[in-house]
Amino acid sequence: MVRKLLNSIKVYSDKRILAIMGLGFSSGLPLLLVFGTLNLWLKDVGVSKTVIGIFALVKTPYSFKWLWAPIVDNFKMPFFCSKMGRRRGWILFTQILLMCSIFGIASTNPETGLFGTAVFAILIAFFSASQDIVIDALRVEVLKDEEQGAGAAAITLGYRIGMIFSGAGALWIASVLSWNMTYVIMAISVVIGMLVLLFIDEPNTKEIKREKGESLVKYLKKSVVGPFADFMTQKKWGLVLLFVMLYKLSDAYMGPMVMPFYDDMGFTKVEIANITKIFGMIATIFGGIVGGVVVYRYGIIKSLFICGLLQGITNLAFAYLAMKGNDINLLMVTVSLDNIAGGMGTTALVAYLSSLCSASYTATQYALLSAFATLARDLFSATSGVLADNCSWVEFYVIVAILSIPCLVVLCLLHKITSNEFND
């Protein structure tokens, strides 16, 4: 028993696992730079909540990365892939463009040139989403089946650390330096992901090659259309995509308004960084671990229902905080409950998405499913600022909690959950 435990822990010292954690940092770094951190920058320079809500649209590339995933998955980038291999070459290429885009947004002034800020934010999201496609593929391909769990845990931890750095770290830096200098530092930090590539080997993977005499049309159909056609052979695939899109809807909808809400409640940047970023991220990681236990104990379907319900209920804590006002202890409790529930929901959802992917098209199909999981966040949440401008914060968060109901209804329809079947 002890030996098995030690062997399980030992896998985390493997250089591939550690490198995957580093790639997770590179993957998690850009998200908040076009989301929470950017929203607070916009709020600081006087941009309205309605416009901040509309800025959620800059993250649209995360939702549509499946459109170009087959290209990234099957084709080699000249020079980069010939020097470093197909996966590592694509990662380095996207990281260079990502760094340039963050430098670009650092050179803008959203108070006088909001359009330029939006353009660079879209580019950051696009190259970040492209990087994620390749990192997910490399992670699956470089590890053995028995190592996939450790790899998933490592990349999740690295991702969270990256988000802490671009969230809490950025807020700390912005409290003593300008927002522009903060983003310059974030751009330089992309180098960490580049260095990590030196410590991981290119995986040996089979490419979907064009056979001798095969027409271009037939090859494109096989490599580009194939993954989607394969997914559509699943029963109720349309309902599956709808459920995946709705599952994080309540959390996604309130996302653009979280920073403006904290600011309106009178919390300082340092308080927001300490509690919502550091403390909140720890709560999210804890929630992810609890979610894994729930999935193991109750199975994927029941776990999705339990975690989805908790996501909606814990959103009501924000309504209570809005009633009480500036209360640092209540903020800590609210953030804890919300992030634990969110972490549990994420674990259940990732387990569900992974179970849907075909082994032959893992990268593209996972890109498709994970993109739909963020679609509500990137599109529907753009209206959150309009709602926040036309109602109180209490009313806003009650409505947000109600938005957790549709996914549970679709889940019941999708899996035909009845009083008898739910206990199968």
Protein backbone atom coordinates (compact mmCIF):
# COMPACT_ATOMS: atom_id res chain seq x y z
CA MET A 1 0.00 0.00 0.00
CA VAL A 2 2.78 2.42 1.00
CA ARG A 3 4.86 1.44 -2.04
CA LYS A 4 1.94 2.12 -4.40
CA LEU A 5 1.42 5.51 -2.77
CA LEU A 6 5.12 6.37 -3.15
CA ASN A 7 5.10 5.29 -6.80
CA SER A 8 2.04 7.46 -7.41
CA ILE A 9 3.80 10.48 -5.90
CA LYS A 10 7.05 9.72 -7.74
CA VAL A 11 5.42 10.26 -11.13
CA TYR A 12 5.21 13.99 -10.37
CA SER A 13 9.03 14.20 -10.36
CA ASP A 14 9.18 13.05 -13.99
CA LYS A 15 10.61 15.84 -16.17
CA ARG A 16 7.74 15.43 -18.64
CA ILE A 17 5.16 16.01 -15.92
CA LEU A 18 7.07 19.05 -14.65
CA ALA A 19 7.36 20.37 -18.20
CA ILE A 20 3.62 19.91 -18.68
CA MET A 21 3.07 21.97 -15.52
CA GLY A 22 5.19 24.70 -17.10
CA LEU A 23 3.13 24.53 -20.28
CA GLY A 24 0.04 24.82 -18.10
CA PHE A 25 1.44 28.11 -16.78
CA SER A 26 1.89 29.31 -20.37
CA SER A 27 -1.69 28.28 -21.15
CA GLY A 28 -3.23 29.93 -18.08
CA LEU A 29 -1.30 33.20 -18.28
CA PRO A 30 -3.20 34.94 -21.15
CA LEU A 31 -6.82 34.31 -20.08
CA LEU A 32 -7.16 36.96 -17.38
CA LEU A 33 -5.21 39.43 -19.50
CA VAL A 34 -8.30 39.63 -21.72
CA PHE A 35 -10.82 38.98 -18.94
CA GLY A 36 -10.77 39.95 -15.25
CA THR A 37 -7.51 41.91 -15.25
CA LEU A 38 -8.42 43.76 -18.43
CA ASN A 39 -11.90 44.50 -17.09
CA LEU A 40 -10.44 46.20 -14.01
CA TRP A 41 -8.09 48.23 -16.22
CA LEU A 42 -11.08 49.36 -18.29
CA LYS A 43 -13.03 50.21 -15.11
CA ASP A 44 -10.08 52.24 -13.81
CA VAL A 45 -10.01 54.48 -16.89
CA GLY A 46 -13.76 55.11 -16.77
CA VAL A 47 -15.13 52.65 -19.34
CA SER A 48 -18.82 51.90 -18.66
CA LYS A 49 -20.02 48.54 -17.40
CA THR A 50 -21.98 48.05 -20.62
CA VAL A 51 -18.83 48.39 -22.73
CA ILE A 52 -16.88 46.17 -20.29
CA GLY A 53 -19.57 43.53 -20.75
CA ILE A 54 -19.30 43.80 -24.54
CA PHE A 55 -15.54 43.27 -24.18
CA ALA A 56 -16.36 39.67 -23.30
CA LEU A 57 -16.59 39.20 -27.07
CA VAL A 58 -12.81 39.56 -27.43
CA LYS A 59 -12.51 36.05 -26.00
CA THR A 60 -14.57 34.58 -28.85
CA PRO A 61 -11.51 32.77 -30.35
CA TYR A 62 -11.53 30.42 -27.35
CA SER A 63 -15.03 29.34 -28.40
CA PHE A 64 -14.23 28.82 -32.07
CA LYS A 65 -10.76 27.28 -31.89
CA TRP A 66 -12.20 24.03 -33.21
CA LEU A 67 -12.48 25.72 -36.62
CA TRP A 68 -8.71 25.83 -37.10
CA ALA A 69 -7.82 22.94 -34.76
CA PRO A 70 -7.56 20.45 -37.70
CA ILE A 71 -4.98 22.74 -39.36
CA VAL A 72 -2.88 23.00 -36.21
CA ASP A 73 -3.37 19.28 -35.58
CA ASN A 74 -2.37 17.97 -39.01
CA PHE A 75 -0.18 20.51 -40.82
CA LYS A 76 3.42 21.54 -40.13
CA MET A 77 4.43 25.16 -39.69
CA PRO A 78 7.46 25.84 -41.94
CA PHE A 79 10.82 26.26 -40.16
CA PHE A 80 9.41 25.89 -36.63
CA CYS A 81 8.14 22.33 -37.07
CA SER A 82 11.16 21.25 -39.13
CA LYS A 83 13.48 22.41 -36.34
CA MET A 84 11.51 21.39 -33.24
CA GLY A 85 8.88 18.90 -34.37
CA ARG A 86 5.20 19.32 -35.18
CA ARG A 87 3.85 19.91 -31.67
CA ARG A 88 6.72 21.87 -30.12
CA GLY A 89 7.17 23.94 -33.28
CA TRP A 90 3.53 25.05 -33.28
CA ILE A 91 3.70 25.87 -29.56
CA LEU A 92 6.79 28.08 -30.00
CA PHE A 93 5.23 29.79 -33.03
CA THR A 94 2.03 30.65 -31.14
CA GLN A 95 4.00 31.78 -28.07
CA ILE A 96 6.04 34.28 -30.12
CA LEU A 97 2.88 35.77 -31.61
CA LEU A 98 1.22 35.74 -28.18
CA MET A 99 4.11 37.70 -26.68
CA CYS A 100 3.96 40.27 -29.49
CA SER A 101 0.20 40.68 -28.96
CA ILE A 102 0.59 41.31 -25.22
CA PHE A 103 3.31 43.87 -25.95
CA GLY A 104 0.84 45.38 -28.41
CA ILE A 105 -1.96 45.80 -25.87
CA ALA A 106 0.57 47.24 -23.41
CA SER A 107 1.21 50.05 -25.90
CA THR A 108 -2.46 51.09 -26.05
CA ASN A 109 -4.51 53.52 -23.98
CA PRO A 110 -8.09 52.24 -23.58
CA GLU A 111 -9.23 55.66 -22.38
CA THR A 112 -8.47 57.27 -25.75
CA GLY A 113 -7.95 54.28 -28.06
CA LEU A 114 -10.37 51.58 -26.98
CA PHE A 115 -10.50 50.04 -30.47
CA GLY A 116 -6.75 49.34 -30.47
CA THR A 117 -7.03 47.71 -27.05
CA ALA A 118 -9.84 45.50 -28.34
CA VAL A 119 -7.88 44.46 -31.45
CA PHE A 120 -4.84 43.34 -29.46
CA ALA A 121 -7.09 41.61 -26.90
CA ILE A 122 -8.64 39.57 -29.73
CA LEU A 123 -5.17 38.66 -31.02
CA ILE A 124 -4.10 37.56 -27.53
CA ALA A 125 -7.18 35.34 -27.29
CA PHE A 126 -6.61 33.90 -30.78
CA PHE A 127 -2.96 32.94 -30.25
CA SER A 128 -3.69 31.74 -26.73
CA ALA A 129 -6.48 29.47 -28.00
CA SER A 130 -4.18 28.18 -30.76
CA GLN A 131 -1.50 27.42 -28.18
CA ASP A 132 -4.04 25.51 -26.07
CA ILE A 133 -4.92 23.25 -29.01
CA VAL A 134 -1.33 22.07 -29.36
CA ILE A 135 -0.56 21.87 -25.64
CA ASP A 136 -3.61 19.62 -25.08
CA ALA A 137 -2.51 17.38 -27.94
CA LEU A 138 1.11 17.19 -26.73
CA ARG A 139 0.01 16.41 -23.18
CA VAL A 140 -2.07 13.44 -24.30
CA GLU A 141 0.53 12.12 -26.75
CA VAL A 142 3.68 12.42 -24.65
CA LEU A 143 2.30 10.47 -21.68
CA LYS A 144 1.39 6.82 -21.22
CA ASP A 145 -2.19 5.90 -20.36
CA GLU A 146 -1.36 5.41 -16.68
CA GLU A 147 0.30 8.84 -16.57
CA GLN A 148 -2.64 10.82 -17.99
CA GLY A 149 -4.11 11.52 -14.56
CA ALA A 150 -0.84 12.99 -13.30
CA GLY A 151 -0.53 14.98 -16.54
CA ALA A 152 -4.02 16.42 -16.16
CA ALA A 153 -3.32 17.39 -12.55
CA ALA A 154 0.02 18.97 -13.51
CA ILE A 155 -1.35 21.06 -16.36
CA THR A 156 -4.29 22.18 -14.21
CA LEU A 157 -1.95 23.26 -11.41
CA GLY A 158 0.29 25.10 -13.88
CA TYR A 159 -2.77 26.72 -15.45
CA ARG A 160 -3.96 27.98 -12.07
CA ILE A 161 -0.52 29.35 -11.23
CA GLY A 162 -0.51 31.18 -14.57
CA MET A 163 -3.90 32.67 -13.76
CA ILE A 164 -2.71 33.71 -10.29
CA PHE A 165 0.24 35.49 -11.87
CA SER A 166 -1.85 37.32 -14.50
CA GLY A 167 -4.62 37.94 -11.96
CA ALA A 168 -3.33 38.63 -8.44
CA GLY A 169 0.21 39.28 -9.69
CA ALA A 170 -0.99 41.78 -12.26
CA LEU A 171 -3.13 43.59 -9.68
CA TRP A 172 -0.21 43.85 -7.26
CA ILE A 173 2.01 45.23 -10.02
CA ALA A 174 -0.71 47.63 -11.20
CA SER A 175 -1.04 48.99 -7.66
CA VAL A 176 2.53 50.33 -7.83
CA LEU A 177 3.15 50.64 -11.59
CA SER A 178 1.00 51.64 -14.54
CA TRP A 179 -1.32 49.21 -16.29
CA ASN A 180 0.85 49.50 -19.41
CA MET A 181 3.99 48.42 -17.54
CA THR A 182 2.01 45.61 -15.94
CA TYR A 183 1.18 44.20 -19.37
CA VAL A 184 4.80 44.60 -20.50
CA ILE A 185 5.84 42.36 -17.59
CA MET A 186 3.12 39.87 -18.52
CA ALA A 187 4.45 39.78 -22.11
CA ILE A 188 7.99 39.05 -20.94
CA SER A 189 6.62 36.21 -18.78
CA VAL A 190 5.67 34.25 -21.93
CA VAL A 191 9.40 33.38 -22.12
CA ILE A 192 8.80 30.85 -19.32
CA GLY A 193 6.68 28.71 -21.64
CA MET A 194 9.32 28.95 -24.36
CA LEU A 195 12.04 27.71 -22.02
CA VAL A 196 9.87 24.79 -20.91
CA LEU A 197 9.96 23.43 -24.48
CA LEU A 198 13.66 22.66 -23.97
CA PHE A 199 12.77 20.10 -21.30
CA ILE A 200 10.18 18.04 -23.14
CA ASP A 201 10.67 15.80 -26.17
CA GLU A 202 8.56 15.85 -29.28
CA PRO A 203 5.99 13.03 -29.03
CA ASN A 204 5.97 10.24 -31.60
CA THR A 205 2.55 10.57 -33.19
CA LYS A 206 0.94 9.37 -36.37
CA GLU A 207 -0.03 12.11 -38.77
CA ILE A 208 -2.98 11.97 -41.13
CA LYS A 209 -0.86 11.96 -44.27
CA ARG A 210 -1.94 12.44 -47.82
CA GLU A 211 -1.66 9.10 -49.58
CA LYS A 212 -0.02 8.76 -52.97
CA GLY A 213 -2.55 9.60 -55.65
CA GLU A 214 -5.09 10.86 -53.10
CA SER A 215 -6.90 14.01 -54.22
CA LEU A 216 -6.61 17.18 -52.15
CA VAL A 217 -10.37 17.24 -51.62
CA LYS A 218 -10.37 13.69 -50.26
CA TYR A 219 -7.41 14.43 -47.99
CA LEU A 220 -9.04 17.55 -46.58
CA LYS A 221 -12.24 15.64 -46.00
CA LYS A 222 -10.30 12.97 -44.10
CA SER A 223 -8.19 15.34 -41.96
CA VAL A 224 -10.54 18.28 -41.47
CA VAL A 225 -14.07 16.94 -41.81
CA GLY A 226 -13.29 13.51 -40.34
CA PRO A 227 -13.11 14.52 -36.64
CA PHE A 228 -16.45 16.35 -36.80
CA ALA A 229 -18.15 13.62 -38.81
CA ASP A 230 -16.97 11.09 -36.25
CA PHE A 231 -18.35 13.16 -33.38
CA MET A 232 -21.71 13.50 -35.12
CA THR A 233 -22.12 9.72 -35.12
CA GLN A 234 -22.80 9.97 -31.39
CA LYS A 235 -26.43 9.90 -30.31
CA LYS A 236 -27.96 13.27 -29.40
CA TRP A 237 -24.73 15.09 -30.35
CA GLY A 238 -26.60 18.37 -30.81
CA LEU A 239 -28.05 18.15 -27.32
CA VAL A 240 -24.58 17.27 -26.02
CA LEU A 241 -23.17 20.50 -27.46
CA LEU A 242 -26.06 22.51 -26.01
CA PHE A 243 -25.47 21.04 -22.55
CA VAL A 244 -21.72 21.69 -22.72
CA MET A 245 -22.42 25.29 -23.71
CA LEU A 246 -24.91 25.86 -20.88
CA TYR A 247 -23.11 24.08 -18.04
CA LYS A 248 -20.97 27.05 -16.99
CA LEU A 249 -23.49 29.69 -18.09
CA SER A 250 -24.24 31.16 -14.65
CA ASP A 251 -20.58 31.52 -13.69
CA ALA A 252 -19.71 32.75 -17.17
CA TYR A 253 -22.44 35.39 -17.22
CA MET A 254 -21.32 37.06 -14.03
CA GLY A 255 -17.63 36.85 -14.99
CA PRO A 256 -17.26 40.23 -16.77
CA MET A 257 -19.01 42.02 -13.89
CA VAL A 258 -17.08 40.50 -10.98
CA MET A 259 -14.30 43.10 -10.94
CA PRO A 260 -16.67 46.08 -11.37
CA PHE A 261 -18.82 44.59 -8.56
CA TYR A 262 -15.86 44.33 -6.18
CA ASP A 263 -14.87 47.89 -7.05
CA ASP A 264 -18.40 49.18 -6.40
CA MET A 265 -18.37 47.40 -3.04
CA GLY A 266 -15.30 49.46 -2.10
CA PHE A 267 -12.66 46.71 -2.00
CA THR A 268 -9.10 47.78 -2.86
CA LYS A 269 -6.93 46.21 -5.57
CA VAL A 270 -4.77 44.53 -2.93
CA GLU A 271 -7.84 43.09 -1.15
CA ILE A 272 -9.21 41.83 -4.46
CA ALA A 273 -5.84 40.27 -5.32
CA ASN A 274 -5.36 38.61 -1.93
CA ILE A 275 -8.85 37.17 -1.59
CA THR A 276 -10.30 36.65 -5.05
CA LYS A 277 -7.08 35.62 -6.77
CA ILE A 278 -4.82 33.85 -4.28
CA PHE A 279 -7.39 32.62 -1.77
CA GLY A 280 -9.98 32.05 -4.48
CA MET A 281 -7.57 30.07 -6.63
CA ILE A 282 -6.68 27.82 -3.70
CA ALA A 283 -10.40 27.25 -3.15
CA THR A 284 -10.78 26.39 -6.86
CA ILE A 285 -7.98 23.81 -6.66
CA PHE A 286 -9.56 22.34 -3.52
CA GLY A 287 -12.91 22.25 -5.30
CA GLY A 288 -11.29 20.41 -8.20
CA ILE A 289 -9.98 17.74 -5.83
CA VAL A 290 -13.39 17.40 -4.17
CA GLY A 291 -14.97 17.21 -7.61
CA GLY A 292 -12.70 14.30 -8.48
CA VAL A 293 -13.88 12.45 -5.37
CA VAL A 294 -17.51 13.17 -6.24
CA VAL A 295 -17.03 11.89 -9.81
CA TYR A 296 -15.34 8.73 -8.51
CA ARG A 297 -18.06 8.14 -5.91
CA TYR A 298 -21.19 9.00 -7.90
CA GLY A 299 -20.18 8.77 -11.55
CA ILE A 300 -20.08 11.48 -14.20
CA ILE A 301 -23.81 12.09 -14.72
CA LYS A 302 -24.81 12.44 -11.08
CA SER A 303 -21.69 14.55 -10.46
CA LEU A 304 -22.63 16.94 -13.27
CA PHE A 305 -26.06 17.39 -11.69
CA ILE A 306 -24.75 17.86 -8.14
CA CYS A 307 -21.97 20.27 -9.14
CA GLY A 308 -24.21 22.18 -11.53
CA LEU A 309 -26.76 22.72 -8.78
CA LEU A 310 -24.07 23.92 -6.37
CA GLN A 311 -22.75 26.38 -8.95
CA GLY A 312 -26.13 28.08 -9.08
CA ILE A 313 -26.77 28.07 -5.33
CA THR A 314 -23.36 29.54 -4.45
CA ASN A 315 -23.95 32.45 -6.86
CA LEU A 316 -26.60 33.65 -4.41
CA ALA A 317 -23.81 34.38 -1.93
CA PHE A 318 -22.86 37.33 -4.13
CA ALA A 319 -26.40 38.69 -3.80
CA TYR A 320 -26.03 38.52 -0.02
CA LEU A 321 -22.65 40.28 -0.23
CA ALA A 322 -24.27 43.01 -2.34
CA MET A 323 -26.84 43.51 0.43
CA LYS A 324 -24.18 43.73 3.18
CA GLY A 325 -21.66 45.85 1.27
CA ASN A 326 -17.95 46.13 2.11
CA ASP A 327 -17.32 43.17 4.40
CA ILE A 328 -13.91 41.53 3.93
CA ASN A 329 -14.85 38.39 5.88
CA LEU A 330 -18.05 37.91 3.91
CA LEU A 331 -16.07 38.40 0.69
CA MET A 332 -13.76 35.59 1.76
CA VAL A 333 -16.69 33.25 2.43
CA THR A 334 -18.43 34.19 -0.81
CA VAL A 335 -15.32 33.69 -2.93
CA SER A 336 -14.59 30.38 -1.18
CA LEU A 337 -18.05 28.93 -1.80
CA ASP A 338 -18.16 30.12 -5.41
CA ASN A 339 -14.70 28.84 -6.29
CA ILE A 340 -15.12 25.48 -4.58
CA ALA A 341 -18.36 24.89 -6.49
CA GLY A 342 -16.75 26.15 -9.70
CA GLY A 343 -13.76 23.84 -9.24
CA MET A 344 -16.04 20.87 -8.65
CA GLY A 345 -18.05 21.73 -11.76
CA THR A 346 -14.94 22.06 -13.89
CA THR A 347 -13.66 18.64 -12.85
CA ALA A 348 -16.99 17.00 -13.63
CA LEU A 349 -17.21 18.77 -16.99
CA VAL A 350 -13.64 17.86 -18.03
CA ALA A 351 -14.34 14.24 -17.15
CA TYR A 352 -17.47 14.37 -19.29
CA LEU A 353 -15.70 16.02 -22.25
CA SER A 354 -12.87 13.50 -22.12
CA SER A 355 -15.34 10.61 -22.18
CA LEU A 356 -16.88 11.97 -25.39
CA CYS A 357 -13.64 12.13 -27.42
CA SER A 358 -12.65 9.48 -29.94
CA ALA A 359 -9.08 8.22 -29.59
CA SER A 360 -8.45 8.91 -33.28
CA TYR A 361 -9.36 12.61 -33.10
CA THR A 362 -8.66 13.62 -29.51
CA ALA A 363 -7.08 17.03 -30.18
CA THR A 364 -9.70 18.33 -32.59
CA GLN A 365 -12.72 16.90 -30.80
CA TYR A 366 -11.52 18.15 -27.40
CA ALA A 367 -10.97 21.57 -28.97
CA LEU A 368 -14.54 21.46 -30.29
CA LEU A 369 -16.07 20.48 -26.96
CA SER A 370 -13.98 22.81 -24.80
CA ALA A 371 -14.74 25.65 -27.22
CA PHE A 372 -18.47 25.11 -26.84
CA ALA A 373 -17.95 25.06 -23.07
CA THR A 374 -16.72 28.67 -23.29
CA LEU A 375 -19.20 29.83 -25.94
CA ALA A 376 -21.74 31.12 -23.38
CA ARG A 377 -18.97 32.96 -21.54
CA ASP A 378 -17.73 34.68 -24.67
CA LEU A 379 -21.02 35.49 -26.40
CA PHE A 380 -24.00 35.55 -24.04
CA SER A 381 -22.02 37.12 -21.19
CA ALA A 382 -21.44 40.17 -23.39
CA THR A 383 -24.91 41.32 -22.32
CA SER A 384 -24.06 41.14 -18.60
CA GLY A 385 -23.04 44.80 -18.48
CA VAL A 386 -26.40 45.89 -19.91
CA LEU A 387 -28.19 43.92 -17.19
CA ALA A 388 -25.90 45.28 -14.45
CA ASP A 389 -26.53 48.86 -15.63
CA ASN A 390 -30.30 48.37 -15.42
CA CYS A 391 -30.75 46.58 -12.12
CA SER A 392 -29.24 46.39 -8.65
CA TRP A 393 -26.36 44.06 -7.85
CA VAL A 394 -28.70 41.94 -5.71
CA GLU A 395 -31.12 41.49 -8.60
CA PHE A 396 -28.23 40.81 -10.96
CA TYR A 397 -26.88 37.89 -8.93
CA VAL A 398 -30.32 36.38 -8.34
CA ILE A 399 -30.81 36.32 -12.12
CA VAL A 400 -27.34 34.80 -12.51
CA ALA A 401 -28.27 31.99 -10.10
CA ILE A 402 -31.43 31.27 -12.11
CA LEU A 403 -29.27 30.84 -15.24
CA SER A 404 -27.91 27.60 -13.75
CA ILE A 405 -31.28 25.89 -14.26
CA PRO A 406 -31.27 25.42 -18.09
CA CYS A 407 -28.20 23.15 -18.07
CA LEU A 408 -29.80 20.89 -15.46
CA VAL A 409 -32.95 20.63 -17.58
CA VAL A 410 -30.91 19.73 -20.67
CA LEU A 411 -28.92 17.20 -18.63
CA CYS A 412 -32.15 15.50 -17.58
CA LEU A 413 -33.33 15.43 -21.20
CA LEU A 414 -29.99 14.25 -22.52
CA HIS A 415 -29.64 11.33 -20.16
CA LYS A 416 -33.33 10.71 -19.55
CA ILE A 417 -32.95 11.12 -15.81
CA THR A 418 -36.04 9.86 -14.08
CA SER A 419 -36.60 8.73 -10.54
CA ASN A 420 -35.62 5.20 -11.59
CA GLU A 421 -32.79 5.88 -14.09
CA PHE A 422 -31.03 8.45 -11.92
CA ASN A 423 -30.08 5.70 -9.47
CA ASP A 424 -28.69 3.31 -12.10
